[in-house]
Protein backbone atom coordinates (compact mmCIF):
# COMPACT_ATOMS: atom_id res chain seq x y z
CA MET A 1 0.00 0.00 0.00
CA GLY A 2 1.34 3.49 -0.83
CA PHE A 3 1.78 5.67 2.18
CA LEU A 4 -0.99 8.10 1.27
CA GLY A 5 -3.52 5.33 1.50
CA GLY A 6 -2.22 4.39 4.93
CA VAL A 7 -2.20 7.95 6.18
CA THR A 8 -5.71 8.59 4.90
CA LYS A 9 -6.89 5.48 6.68
CA GLN A 10 -5.20 6.49 9.91
CA SER A 11 -6.62 9.99 9.69
CA ALA A 12 -10.20 9.01 9.00
CA GLY A 13 -12.59 10.88 11.27
CA ARG A 14 -9.97 13.23 12.67
CA GLY A 15 -9.24 15.70 9.91
CA PHE A 16 -6.26 16.01 7.63
CA LEU A 17 -3.86 16.98 10.38
CA GLY A 18 -5.25 14.43 12.76
CA CYS A 19 -5.00 14.67 16.51
CA ILE A 20 -2.65 13.27 19.08
CA THR A 21 -3.16 9.52 19.24
CA LYS A 22 -5.07 7.73 21.96
CA ARG A 23 -1.81 6.37 23.35
CA ALA A 24 -0.61 9.93 23.99
CA THR A 25 -3.76 11.65 25.20
CA GLY A 26 -5.83 8.91 26.73
CA SER A 27 -8.83 9.92 24.62
CA ASP A 28 -10.17 8.90 21.26
CA CYS A 29 -9.46 10.88 18.13
CA GLY A 30 -12.32 12.01 15.95
CA ALA A 31 -15.12 14.52 16.09
CA ASN A 32 -15.82 13.84 19.76
CA ALA A 33 -12.22 14.71 20.59
CA GLN A 34 -12.79 18.30 19.52
CA GLY A 35 -14.69 19.38 22.60
CA GLY A 36 -13.31 22.39 24.41
CA LEU A 37 -11.83 23.90 21.26
CA GLY A 38 -14.64 26.28 20.52
CA PHE A 39 -15.77 23.85 17.84
CA GLN A 40 -19.15 22.14 17.69
CA PRO A 41 -18.35 18.43 18.24
CA GLY A 42 -20.07 16.16 15.78
CA ASN A 43 -21.82 19.12 14.18
CA THR A 44 -20.37 20.21 10.87
CA SER A 45 -23.34 21.80 9.17
CA ALA A 46 -23.68 25.55 8.94
CA SER A 47 -27.45 25.41 9.23
CA ASP A 48 -27.31 23.46 12.51
CA ASN A 49 -25.12 26.19 13.98
CA LYS A 50 -27.37 29.17 13.35
CA GLY A 51 -29.62 28.91 16.38
CA GLN A 52 -26.96 29.59 18.98
CA SER A 53 -27.32 32.48 21.34
CA GLY A 54 -24.67 34.66 22.94
CA GLY A 55 -21.43 35.79 21.37
CA ILE A 56 -19.47 33.90 18.78
CA GLN A 57 -19.71 30.77 20.95
CA GLU A 58 -17.83 29.45 23.95
CA PRO A 59 -14.30 30.90 24.26
CA PRO A 60 -11.88 28.62 22.39
CA ALA A 61 -10.21 26.52 25.06
CA ARG A 62 -6.95 24.62 24.81
CA SER A 63 -7.05 21.14 23.32
CA VAL A 64 -4.58 20.20 26.03
CA SER A 65 -4.14 22.38 29.09
CA ARG A 66 -1.07 24.61 28.88
CA ASP A 67 -1.65 26.00 32.38
CA GLN A 68 0.26 23.21 34.06
CA THR A 69 3.86 23.70 35.12
CA TYR A 70 6.63 21.13 35.28
CA ASP A 71 9.35 20.34 37.78
CA GLU A 72 12.17 20.43 35.26
CA SER A 73 15.00 20.10 37.76
CA GLY A 74 15.69 16.55 36.58
CA VAL A 75 15.28 17.19 32.85
CA SER A 76 18.52 16.28 31.12
CA ILE A 77 20.27 15.21 27.95
CA ASP A 78 22.88 12.48 28.15
CA GLY A 79 24.04 11.72 24.64
CA ARG A 80 21.06 10.15 22.91
CA ARG A 81 19.10 9.73 26.16
CA LEU A 82 16.51 12.39 26.95
CA THR A 83 14.99 12.50 30.45
CA GLY A 84 11.80 14.41 31.20
CA PRO A 85 10.03 15.87 34.25
CA ASN A 86 8.60 12.49 35.31
CA GLY A 87 12.06 10.89 35.43
CA LYS A 88 11.37 8.67 32.44
CA SER A 89 13.70 8.64 29.44
CA ILE A 90 13.66 7.90 25.75
CA GLU A 91 16.63 7.18 23.50
CA ILE A 92 16.72 8.76 20.07
CA SER A 93 18.45 7.29 17.02
CA GLU A 94 22.09 7.99 16.17
CA GLU A 95 21.08 9.67 12.90
CA ALA A 96 18.59 11.95 14.65
CA HIS A 97 21.12 12.83 17.33
CA TYR A 98 23.69 13.81 14.70
CA LEU A 99 21.23 15.88 12.67
CA SER A 100 19.91 17.69 15.73
CA MET A 101 23.33 18.83 16.95
CA PHE A 102 23.04 22.18 15.21
CA HIS A 103 23.94 24.06 18.38
CA GLU A 104 27.34 22.34 18.27
CA SER A 105 27.86 22.90 14.54
CA MET A 106 28.66 26.63 14.56
CA ASN A 107 32.41 26.08 14.19
CA GLY A 108 31.71 23.69 11.35
CA PHE A 109 29.69 26.34 9.57
CA ALA A 110 32.47 28.89 10.04
CA ASP A 111 34.93 26.48 8.40
CA TYR A 112 32.42 25.77 5.67
CA ARG A 113 32.07 29.44 4.84
CA LYS A 114 35.85 29.84 4.60
CA SER A 115 35.80 27.62 1.54
CA GLY A 116 33.82 30.27 -0.31
CA LYS A 117 35.89 33.31 0.63
CA GLU A 118 38.37 32.88 -2.22
CA VAL A 119 35.71 33.86 -4.72
CA ARG A 120 33.33 35.91 -2.62
CA GLY A 121 35.45 37.68 -0.02
CA GLU A 122 33.98 38.49 3.40
CA ALA A 123 30.35 38.73 2.30
CA SER A 124 27.80 37.95 4.99
CA ALA A 125 26.07 34.58 5.03
CA ARG A 126 22.90 34.15 3.03
CA LYS A 127 20.08 31.74 3.75
CA TRP A 128 21.26 29.51 0.89
CA ASP A 129 24.69 29.20 2.57
CA VAL A 130 23.03 27.90 5.72
CA GLY A 131 20.78 25.57 3.74
CA ALA A 132 23.68 24.17 1.71
CA PHE A 133 25.63 23.60 4.92
CA MET A 134 22.71 21.72 6.46
CA ASP A 135 22.46 19.53 3.36
CA ASP A 136 26.18 18.77 3.48
CA ARG A 137 25.93 17.75 7.14
CA TYR A 138 23.04 15.47 6.23
CA ILE A 139 25.03 13.71 3.50
CA ALA A 140 28.04 13.45 5.83
CA SER A 141 25.89 11.37 8.18
CA GLY A 142 25.66 8.66 5.54
CA LEU A 143 21.95 9.16 4.98
CA GLU A 144 20.44 9.34 1.52
CA ARG A 145 18.39 12.36 0.54
CA VAL A 146 14.64 11.92 0.69
CA PRO A 147 13.00 13.08 -2.57
CA ASP A 148 10.07 15.47 -2.54
CA ASP A 149 7.88 12.90 -4.26
CA ILE A 150 7.18 10.35 -1.54
CA GLN A 151 3.76 9.34 -2.82
CA GLY A 152 4.83 5.73 -3.34
CA MET A 153 6.72 5.32 -0.07
CA PRO A 154 5.61 2.16 1.81
CA GLU A 155 3.71 2.92 4.98
CA GLU A 156 6.33 1.20 7.14
CA ASP A 157 9.08 3.40 5.70
CA PHE A 158 6.89 6.48 6.06
CA GLU A 159 6.33 5.78 9.76
CA ALA A 160 10.03 5.09 10.33
CA LEU A 161 10.99 8.37 8.65
CA ALA A 162 8.41 10.29 10.69
CA GLY A 163 9.85 8.66 13.81
CA ARG A 164 13.40 9.72 12.96
CA ILE A 165 12.27 13.29 12.32
CA SER A 166 10.40 13.33 15.63
CA ASP A 167 13.57 12.13 17.39
CA THR A 168 15.39 15.13 15.91
CA HIS A 169 12.59 17.41 17.11
CA MET A 170 12.79 15.90 20.58
CA HIS A 171 16.50 16.60 20.95
CA GLU A 172 15.99 20.19 19.83
CA LEU A 173 13.02 20.69 22.16
CA ILE A 174 14.62 19.24 25.28
CA THR A 175 17.81 21.21 24.56
CA THR A 176 15.74 24.37 24.33
CA TYR A 177 13.72 23.58 27.47
CA VAL A 178 16.94 23.02 29.43
CA GLN A 179 18.42 26.29 28.14
CA GLU A 180 15.24 28.10 29.19
CA ARG A 181 15.36 26.48 32.62
CA ASP A 182 19.00 27.46 33.11
CA GLY A 183 18.45 31.04 31.95
CA GLU A 184 20.61 30.67 28.84
CA ILE A 185 17.74 31.89 26.67
CA GLU A 186 14.86 34.17 27.57
CA SER A 187 12.11 31.92 26.26
CA SER A 188 11.73 28.60 24.45
CA GLY A 189 8.80 30.04 22.50
CA ARG A 190 6.36 27.32 23.55
CA GLU A 191 3.93 29.96 24.83
CA TRP A 192 3.68 31.66 21.41
CA TYR A 193 0.12 30.39 21.17
CA GLY A 194 -2.32 30.17 24.06
CA LYS A 195 -1.35 32.40 26.96
CA GLY A 196 1.29 34.21 24.92
CA TYR A 197 -1.27 35.27 22.34
CA THR A 198 -4.13 36.09 24.74
CA ASP A 199 -1.78 38.22 26.87
CA PHE A 200 -0.72 40.02 23.70
CA LEU A 201 -4.35 40.66 22.76
CA GLY A 202 -4.99 42.19 26.16
CA ASP A 203 -2.00 44.49 25.80
CA LEU A 204 -3.00 45.44 22.25
CA SER A 205 -6.54 46.15 23.41
CA GLU A 206 -5.23 48.58 26.01
CA HIS A 207 -2.88 50.23 23.52
CA LEU A 208 -5.64 50.78 20.95
CA GLY A 209 -8.27 51.70 23.55
CA ASP A 210 -10.51 48.91 22.28
CA PRO A 211 -11.68 46.75 25.23
CA ASN A 212 -13.60 44.32 23.01
CA LEU A 213 -10.33 43.34 21.34
CA ALA A 214 -9.00 41.74 24.52
CA SER A 215 -10.97 38.49 24.18
CA LEU A 216 -11.17 35.78 21.53
CA ASP A 217 -14.82 35.40 22.54
CA THR A 218 -15.76 38.65 20.81
CA VAL A 219 -16.26 39.49 17.17
CA GLU A 220 -13.52 42.11 17.48
CA GLY A 221 -10.97 39.68 18.93
CA GLY A 222 -11.88 37.03 16.39
CA MET A 223 -11.78 39.36 13.39
CA PHE A 224 -8.46 40.87 14.41
CA THR A 225 -7.01 37.37 14.67
CA MET A 226 -8.40 36.44 11.27
CA ILE A 227 -6.95 39.61 9.72
CA LEU A 228 -3.64 38.91 11.47
CA ALA A 229 -3.53 35.41 9.96
CA ALA A 230 -4.59 36.65 6.52
CA THR A 231 -1.86 39.32 6.42
CA SER A 232 0.94 37.05 7.66
CA ASN A 233 1.74 35.50 4.28
CA GLY A 234 5.37 36.24 3.44
CA GLN A 235 5.67 38.99 6.05
CA THR A 236 7.97 39.50 9.00
CA VAL A 237 6.26 39.43 12.39
CA GLN A 238 6.64 43.21 12.72
CA SER A 239 5.21 44.04 9.29
CA ASN A 240 2.46 41.46 9.81
CA LEU A 241 1.36 43.19 13.02
CA ASN A 242 1.64 46.67 11.51
CA HIS A 243 -0.57 45.69 8.56
CA ALA A 244 -3.05 43.79 10.75
CA ILE A 245 -3.60 46.78 13.07
CA GLU A 246 -4.10 49.09 10.12
CA TRP A 247 -6.54 46.74 8.40
CA TYR A 248 -8.40 45.92 11.62
CA GLN A 249 -9.03 49.59 12.30
CA SER A 250 -10.22 50.00 8.71
CA TRP A 251 -12.56 47.01 9.17
CA GLU A 252 -14.00 48.59 12.33
CA GLU A 253 -14.89 51.69 10.32
CA SER A 254 -16.09 50.12 7.07
CA GLY A 255 -17.00 46.52 7.89
CA ARG A 256 -14.73 45.42 5.01
CA THR A 257 -11.48 43.50 5.27
CA SER A 258 -10.30 43.78 1.68
CA ILE A 259 -10.61 47.51 1.01
CA MET A 260 -9.04 50.41 2.87
CA ASN A 261 -9.48 53.96 1.67
CA GLY A 262 -10.76 52.53 -1.58
CA LYS A 263 -7.60 50.53 -2.20
CA LYS A 264 -6.58 46.91 -1.86
CA PHE A 265 -3.95 45.74 0.58
CA LEU A 266 -0.70 46.00 -1.34
CA THR A 267 0.47 45.64 -4.92
CA GLY A 268 3.35 43.67 -6.35
CA GLY A 269 4.78 40.37 -5.21
CA LYS A 270 3.20 36.94 -4.95
CA SER A 271 2.65 37.17 -1.20
CA HIS A 272 0.77 40.45 -1.61
CA VAL A 273 -1.45 38.92 -4.28
CA ASN A 274 -2.23 36.04 -1.92
CA ILE A 275 -2.97 38.46 0.92
CA ASN A 276 -5.40 40.36 -1.28
CA GLN A 277 -7.16 37.12 -2.17
CA ASP A 278 -7.37 36.02 1.46
CA LEU A 279 -8.80 39.36 2.61
CA GLU A 280 -11.32 39.30 -0.24
CA MET A 281 -12.31 35.75 0.69
CA VAL A 282 -12.96 36.84 4.29
CA ASP A 283 -15.23 39.60 2.98
CA THR A 284 -17.05 37.32 0.57
CA ILE A 285 -17.73 34.49 3.03
CA ALA A 286 -18.80 36.92 5.78
CA GLN A 287 -21.36 38.46 3.41
CA ARG A 288 -22.65 35.06 2.30
CA LEU A 289 -23.06 33.83 5.86
CA GLY A 290 -24.70 37.01 7.14
CA GLY A 291 -21.85 38.88 8.78
CA PRO A 292 -18.55 38.49 10.63
CA GLU A 293 -20.14 36.75 13.62
CA GLU A 294 -21.38 33.91 11.41
CA LEU A 295 -18.01 33.76 9.68
CA LEU A 296 -16.28 33.30 13.03
CA LYS A 297 -18.74 30.60 14.04
CA LEU A 298 -17.71 28.70 10.92
CA ALA A 299 -14.00 29.38 11.49
CA ASN A 300 -14.14 28.16 15.11
CA ARG A 301 -15.64 24.74 14.48
CA MET A 302 -14.89 21.66 12.46
CA THR A 303 -16.46 21.40 9.04
CA THR A 304 -15.94 19.44 5.84
CA ILE A 305 -14.40 20.19 2.49
CA LYS A 306 -17.88 19.72 1.03
CA GLU A 307 -19.34 22.50 3.18
CA LEU A 308 -16.47 24.83 2.39
CA ARG A 309 -17.06 24.20 -1.30
CA GLU A 310 -20.73 25.04 -0.76
CA HIS A 311 -19.62 28.39 0.62
CA GLY A 312 -17.73 29.04 -2.60
CA ILE A 313 -14.27 28.01 -1.43
CA ASP A 314 -13.20 25.96 -4.42
CA GLU A 315 -9.47 25.69 -3.77
CA ILE A 316 -8.67 23.89 -0.51
CA GLY A 317 -5.08 23.33 -1.56
CA ASP A 318 -3.38 20.27 -0.15
CA VAL A 319 -6.49 18.74 1.40
CA ALA A 320 -8.54 18.53 -1.78
CA GLY A 321 -9.82 14.98 -2.09
CA ASP A 322 -12.29 13.36 0.29
CA MET A 323 -15.26 15.75 0.32
CA ASN A 324 -16.33 14.52 3.76
CA MET A 325 -12.89 15.01 5.32
CA GLU A 326 -13.15 17.03 8.52
CA VAL A 327 -11.09 20.22 8.59
CA PRO A 328 -11.20 23.39 10.68
CA GLY A 329 -13.63 25.96 9.35
CA SER A 330 -10.74 28.42 9.37
CA TYR A 331 -9.70 26.79 6.10
CA VAL A 332 -11.64 29.67 4.57
CA LEU A 333 -8.14 31.17 4.62
CA GLY A 334 -6.65 28.08 3.01
CA PRO A 335 -4.86 25.24 4.83
CA LYS A 336 -1.68 27.08 5.85
CA LEU A 337 -3.21 30.30 7.21
CA GLY A 338 -6.28 28.41 8.40
CA ARG A 339 -4.10 26.28 10.66
CA PHE A 340 -2.33 29.38 11.92
CA TYR A 341 -5.66 30.99 12.82
CA ALA A 342 -6.74 27.75 14.50
CA ASN A 343 -3.57 27.71 16.62
CA LEU A 344 -3.98 31.36 17.61
CA THR A 345 -7.60 30.79 18.68
CA GLY A 346 -6.94 27.71 20.82
CA ASN A 347 -6.96 24.69 18.51
CA GLU A 348 -3.51 23.37 19.32
CA LYS A 349 -3.98 20.06 17.47
CA GLU A 350 -3.34 21.70 14.09
CA LEU A 351 0.16 22.05 12.67
CA THR A 352 1.09 25.34 11.05
CA ILE A 353 3.57 24.57 8.27
CA ASP A 354 5.13 27.86 7.24
CA MET A 355 8.45 28.62 5.55
CA TRP A 356 10.41 27.91 8.71
CA HIS A 357 8.74 24.61 9.45
CA GLY A 358 9.38 23.65 5.83
CA ARG A 359 13.08 24.34 6.36
CA LEU A 360 13.02 22.43 9.64
CA LEU A 361 11.52 19.40 7.91
CA ARG A 362 13.99 19.56 5.03
CA GLN A 363 16.94 19.63 7.43
CA SER A 364 15.94 16.05 8.23
CA LEU A 365 15.60 15.16 4.55
CA GLY A 366 18.79 16.69 3.11
CA THR A 367 16.91 19.02 0.77
CA VAL A 368 17.07 22.51 2.29
CA ALA A 369 19.03 23.84 -0.70
CA TYR A 370 19.38 20.77 -2.93
CA LYS A 371 17.73 21.20 -6.34
CA GLY A 372 18.14 17.81 -7.98
CA ASP A 373 17.74 17.71 -11.76
CA LYS A 374 16.89 21.40 -11.76
CA VAL A 375 20.61 22.10 -11.31
CA ILE A 376 21.54 20.82 -14.76
CA LYS A 377 18.60 22.48 -16.46
CA GLN A 378 19.21 25.89 -14.92
CA THR A 379 22.98 25.74 -15.47
CA GLU A 380 22.42 24.99 -19.14
CA ARG A 381 19.87 27.78 -19.28
CA ILE A 382 22.23 30.42 -17.91
CA LEU A 383 24.95 29.36 -20.36
CA SER A 384 22.42 29.77 -23.15
CA VAL A 385 21.61 33.27 -21.88
CA MET A 386 25.28 34.18 -21.95
CA ASP A 387 25.73 32.83 -25.48
CA SER A 388 22.67 34.62 -26.83
CA ASN A 389 23.50 37.99 -25.23
CA PRO A 390 27.15 38.65 -26.23
CA GLU A 391 26.67 42.41 -25.81
CA LEU A 392 26.06 41.80 -22.09
CA PHE A 393 28.84 39.26 -21.52
CA HIS A 394 32.23 40.49 -22.64
CA GLU A 395 35.45 41.45 -20.98
CA GLU A 396 35.76 44.89 -22.51
CA PRO A 397 33.28 47.77 -21.99
CA LYS A 398 30.71 47.79 -24.77
CA PRO A 399 27.87 50.33 -24.38
CA ILE A 400 24.38 49.31 -25.35
CA ASP A 401 22.93 51.59 -28.01
CA LEU A 402 20.06 53.71 -26.66
CA GLU A 403 19.30 55.35 -30.00
CA GLY A 404 15.58 55.31 -30.66
CA VAL A 405 14.62 54.61 -27.02
CA LYS A 406 11.58 56.66 -26.05
CA PHE A 407 11.49 57.85 -22.46
CA SER A 408 8.26 58.57 -20.65
CA ARG A 409 7.76 62.07 -19.29
CA ASN A 410 8.39 60.85 -15.74
CA GLU A 411 11.81 59.48 -16.61
CA GLU A 412 13.10 62.29 -18.77
CA LYS A 413 14.83 63.73 -15.74
CA HIS A 414 16.62 60.39 -15.33
CA ALA A 415 17.62 60.14 -18.98
CA LYS A 416 21.20 61.20 -18.49
CA GLU A 417 21.76 58.78 -15.63
CA MET A 418 20.01 56.01 -17.50
CA ALA A 419 21.98 56.70 -20.66
CA ALA A 420 25.19 56.34 -18.70
CA PHE A 421 24.23 52.95 -17.29
CA PRO A 422 24.92 50.81 -20.39
CA LYS A 423 28.51 52.07 -20.48
CA GLU A 424 29.06 49.93 -17.37
CA SER A 425 27.96 46.78 -19.18
CA ASP A 426 31.34 45.12 -18.56
CA SER A 427 30.09 44.56 -14.97
CA GLN A 428 28.03 41.67 -16.33
CA LEU A 429 31.02 39.41 -15.73
CA HIS A 430 31.76 40.93 -12.31
CA GLY A 431 35.48 40.30 -12.47
CA PHE A 432 35.25 36.76 -13.84
CA THR A 433 36.00 35.55 -17.34
CA MET A 434 33.69 33.54 -19.56
CA ASP A 435 36.14 30.62 -19.38
CA GLU A 436 35.95 30.64 -15.57
CA LEU A 437 32.15 30.72 -15.62
CA ARG A 438 31.96 27.89 -18.19
CA GLN A 439 34.37 25.76 -16.18
CA SER A 440 32.32 26.36 -13.03
CA ALA A 441 29.12 25.45 -14.89
CA ASP A 442 30.66 22.16 -16.03
CA GLU A 443 31.68 21.34 -12.47
CA ILE A 444 28.18 22.05 -11.14
CA LYS A 445 26.58 19.88 -13.83
CA GLN A 446 29.01 17.04 -13.14
CA ARG A 447 28.50 17.27 -9.36
CA GLY A 448 24.73 17.62 -9.60
CA GLU A 449 24.44 20.51 -7.15
CA PRO A 450 25.93 23.98 -6.57
CA ARG A 451 28.26 24.68 -3.67
CA ILE A 452 29.15 27.76 -1.66
CA ASP A 453 32.55 28.12 -3.37
CA ASP A 454 31.37 27.80 -6.99
CA THR A 455 32.42 30.70 -9.22
CA LEU A 456 29.11 30.62 -11.06
CA VAL A 457 27.21 30.82 -7.77
CA GLU A 458 29.15 33.90 -6.70
CA TRP A 459 28.68 35.47 -10.13
CA ALA A 460 24.92 34.92 -9.75
CA ARG A 461 24.96 36.57 -6.32
CA ARG A 462 26.79 39.65 -7.51
CA SER A 463 24.71 39.96 -10.64
CA SER A 464 21.47 39.52 -8.72
CA ARG A 465 22.48 42.16 -6.15
CA GLU A 466 23.32 44.62 -8.91
CA TYR A 467 19.97 44.07 -10.58
CA ALA A 468 18.11 44.61 -7.32
CA ASN A 469 19.91 47.91 -6.79
CA LEU A 470 19.22 49.34 -10.25
CA ASP A 471 16.97 52.37 -10.45
CA PHE A 472 15.00 52.55 -13.67
CA GLY A 473 12.58 55.17 -12.44
CA SER A 474 8.97 54.55 -11.47
CA HIS A 475 7.82 54.35 -15.08
CA GLY A 476 10.73 52.76 -16.88
CA LYS A 477 8.93 51.55 -20.01
CA GLY A 478 11.54 53.10 -22.27
CA LEU A 479 14.26 51.01 -20.67
CA SER A 480 12.27 47.78 -20.30
CA HIS A 481 14.32 45.96 -22.93
CA ILE A 482 17.53 46.70 -21.04
CA LYS A 483 15.93 45.76 -17.73
CA ASN A 484 14.68 42.47 -19.15
CA GLU A 485 18.12 41.58 -20.47
CA LYS A 486 19.58 42.41 -17.07
CA ARG A 487 16.96 40.17 -15.50
CA LEU A 488 18.08 37.29 -17.70
CA ALA A 489 21.66 37.83 -16.66
CA ALA A 490 21.07 38.55 -13.00
CA LYS A 491 18.05 36.59 -11.85
CA THR A 492 17.58 33.38 -13.84
CA PHE A 493 20.30 31.37 -12.15
CA SER A 494 20.36 33.11 -8.81
CA ASP A 495 16.64 32.85 -8.06
CA SER A 496 16.35 29.19 -8.95
CA MET A 497 19.71 27.88 -7.78
CA THR A 498 20.78 29.93 -4.77
CA ALA A 499 17.50 29.92 -2.87
CA THR A 500 16.30 27.52 -0.22
CA ASN A 501 13.43 25.09 -0.72
CA ASP A 502 10.89 26.68 1.63
CA THR A 503 7.69 25.00 0.45
CA VAL A 504 6.39 21.47 0.92
CA ASN A 505 3.96 19.41 -1.13
CA VAL A 506 1.05 17.22 -0.05
CA GLY A 507 3.17 14.22 0.81
CA LEU A 508 5.70 16.21 2.81
CA ARG A 509 2.88 17.95 4.71
CA SER A 510 1.58 14.52 5.71
CA LEU A 511 5.09 13.58 6.81
CA ALA A 512 5.51 16.77 8.86
CA THR A 513 2.15 16.18 10.50
CA ARG A 514 2.89 12.57 11.41
CA ALA A 515 6.29 13.61 12.81
CA ALA A 516 4.56 16.28 14.93
CA GLU A 517 2.11 13.72 16.31
CA LYS A 518 4.95 11.37 17.22
CA THR A 519 6.88 14.22 18.83
CA VAL A 520 3.98 15.03 21.14
CA GLU A 521 3.55 11.34 22.00
CA LYS A 522 7.18 11.24 23.11
CA LEU A 523 6.91 14.50 25.05
CA HIS A 524 3.91 13.11 26.92
CA SER A 525 5.70 9.85 27.66
CA ILE A 526 8.49 11.64 29.58
CA GLY A 527 6.18 13.94 31.53
CA TYR A 528 5.51 16.93 29.29
CA THR A 529 1.82 16.07 29.28
CA GLY A 530 0.66 19.64 28.70
CA GLU A 531 2.55 20.10 25.43
CA THR A 532 0.63 20.14 22.16
CA ILE A 533 1.40 20.06 18.47
CA ALA A 534 1.12 23.85 18.41
CA SER A 535 3.34 24.47 21.46
CA ALA A 536 6.02 22.10 20.14
CA GLN A 537 5.86 23.70 16.70
CA ALA A 538 6.17 27.18 18.23
CA ALA A 539 9.27 26.17 20.20
CA LEU A 540 10.84 24.54 17.14
CA TRP A 541 9.95 27.61 15.05
CA THR A 542 11.64 29.90 17.59
CA ASN A 543 14.68 27.63 17.79
CA ILE A 544 15.35 27.19 14.06
CA LYS A 545 15.10 30.93 13.48
CA LYS A 546 17.66 31.47 16.25
CA GLN A 547 19.99 28.87 14.71
CA TRP A 548 19.81 30.43 11.26
CA ARG A 549 20.16 33.92 12.72
CA ASP A 550 23.26 32.84 14.67
CA MET A 551 24.71 31.50 11.42
CA GLY A 552 24.18 34.87 9.78
CA ALA A 553 21.03 34.33 7.72
CA ARG A 554 19.59 37.80 7.44
CA ASN A 555 15.90 36.93 7.09
CA ALA A 556 15.62 35.13 10.43
CA ASP A 557 13.95 37.85 12.49
CA LYS A 558 13.55 37.25 16.21
CA ALA A 559 10.35 39.20 16.77
CA THR A 560 7.22 38.03 18.54
CA TYR A 561 3.87 39.79 18.38
CA GLN A 562 4.41 41.07 21.91
CA ALA A 563 7.91 42.37 21.12
CA SER A 564 6.58 43.96 17.93
CA LEU A 565 3.79 45.65 19.88
CA ASP A 566 6.31 46.90 22.45
CA LEU A 567 8.23 48.52 19.60
CA ILE A 568 5.04 50.17 18.28
CA LYS A 569 4.27 51.50 21.77
CA ALA A 570 7.81 52.80 22.20
CA ARG A 571 7.60 54.67 18.90
CA ALA A 572 4.26 56.14 19.92
CA ARG A 573 5.74 57.39 23.19
CA ARG A 574 8.61 59.09 21.36
CA LYS A 575 6.13 60.97 19.15
CA ARG A 576 4.27 62.46 22.11
C-alpha cells in the first residue's frame, strides 16, 4: 500500500492533520475529541449552527491544558538519552542525534564558509549558505536524501521516517527547554500560542483603547485574529502586526477586510497577491453567511471540504480529495493560514507549516538547498543566456545603443543617468571571465548541485544584487528591454539555484504532521503532558530561526507579536 492510503486510513474521522493519538492523550481521536476547542463536536453543518445564542460561541479553550507547570530540575540530555520531568527517558536514534546537533555545529559552519571566501570575499552569510551547509551535514551522516515525491513510499518506511524526524525534534526541544530552565535563553517560544497570544491581545486592546479586542470570545478579537492570519503571508512578524492593526481599524470603520481607503492591501509580489485574495475571501464568506459573527462561528468549528465548497471556497489546496474530510472551518483562509488561525484561537492540534517549518523538515531530509535535476537544467539555461546575449557578456566595456529609445515624461529627468548605465555593461562578468564561468558550470553539472565556493554561484549573487539595486525610475517603459536583459543575466540562475526550498507538497505535509504527532507522543511519555502540536511547533519555530540567525542568515527575524507591539508602543511614546 502506498503511504498516502495508509495515512488517509489512519486519519479518518480526525481531519487532515489528525490529533494526538489515543496512546498519547488517553482519549479517542475524531469529532468527539474536539470538545473544548470552541468547535461544535459532531456538528459540521452551517445550518445546525445558526440557532446559537450569545457571542461567537464558547471561548476557544486549549485542546490540552497549557496551564500546568513542570518540575524540570531533573530534565537532562545524556548523549542520545533524553529525560523528562517524570524521570522517564527515551533514547533517540544515532542519525537523529547527529542531525539535531546544530547548536554544536557553529564552528563547522564557520569552516564551511571559509571555503567560499576565495571567490566571494567576506560577504555575509545568506540563507542559501546555511541551507547548503545543512544539506552537506546530512550527507556526511551517511543518509540518503529523501525526494520530494514520496507518494509511493511504503507505509512502514513512512512511519520510520516520521519517527526519525520526531527524534530530531525531541533533541531540539529538550535542549531548548533546558536552556530556558537554566536562563541561557529568555524563552523557548512554547507559549507563542495560548497564553502568549491572549496576553498580547490584552495588551493590544489597552494600547488601541478597544476593550472588546481583549478576548477571543468577541467578534472584534476574532476578526483581528483572522486579519492577522490573513496578512501574515510572506511577512515579518513586525510588518504582519503593523498591517493587521491598520486593516483591523479600517474594518472597524467600514466593515470590510479587503478595502481600505478605496484601495486593496498591497500591490506587487506573490505574497501580496495572496494576501489580497485572502482578505477578499474573508469579505465574501462573511457576506454570504450574514456577517462576521457567522463567519467566526464557521472558522471556530470543524467542518468538511464539502461544506467549504458550498460556501464558494473551491481551492482547498493540499487537502482537496475526500469531500467529507473534517477540517477546521478556518480553512476559509486556506490550509496554511487556516491552521495558523486555529492555533492562535486555541486549537492546538493543528500544525502550522510555514516557511520555517518547511526548512526544519527539510533539514531532516537533506533538501534545504538541494535542487536535484533542476541544477543541470538551470545551469544549461544560464549558459544559453550568456551565449545569446554577447553584448552583455564580454570582458571589454561595450555600451548598449540607446538610440531610438523613447522615455516617458516621468523618466526624462533620469535620462542622463540612464543613458550612462549601459557604459558599465562590462560589470556583467563581475570580475570573472567567460572561461571561468563555463568551467564552473561544467563542475556544477558534473557534481549535480551547486556549492558555496562555486564561481558561477558567486557570479549569480553579484549579478542579482546589482539588478536589485538598479533604479530605472517609477515608469521605466523606455528602458524595459535593457531591464529584461539584465533580469536574464542577473536573476535566472540566482533565483532558482541559490535559494532555499521553503515550500512542501502534499506528501511532505503529511510527513511533517505525522512527525509532529509522534513528537507530542514522546513528550507526553516523559512527563511533558501539557505540550501540544502547536506548542512544540512554536518552540521549534523559535529555535530554528535562532539557529539560522546565529549562522548569519539575514531573514531570520527574532520578533514576537508582543515584542513587535512593544516597539510600536515605544515609537508612539517618542512621538508624544
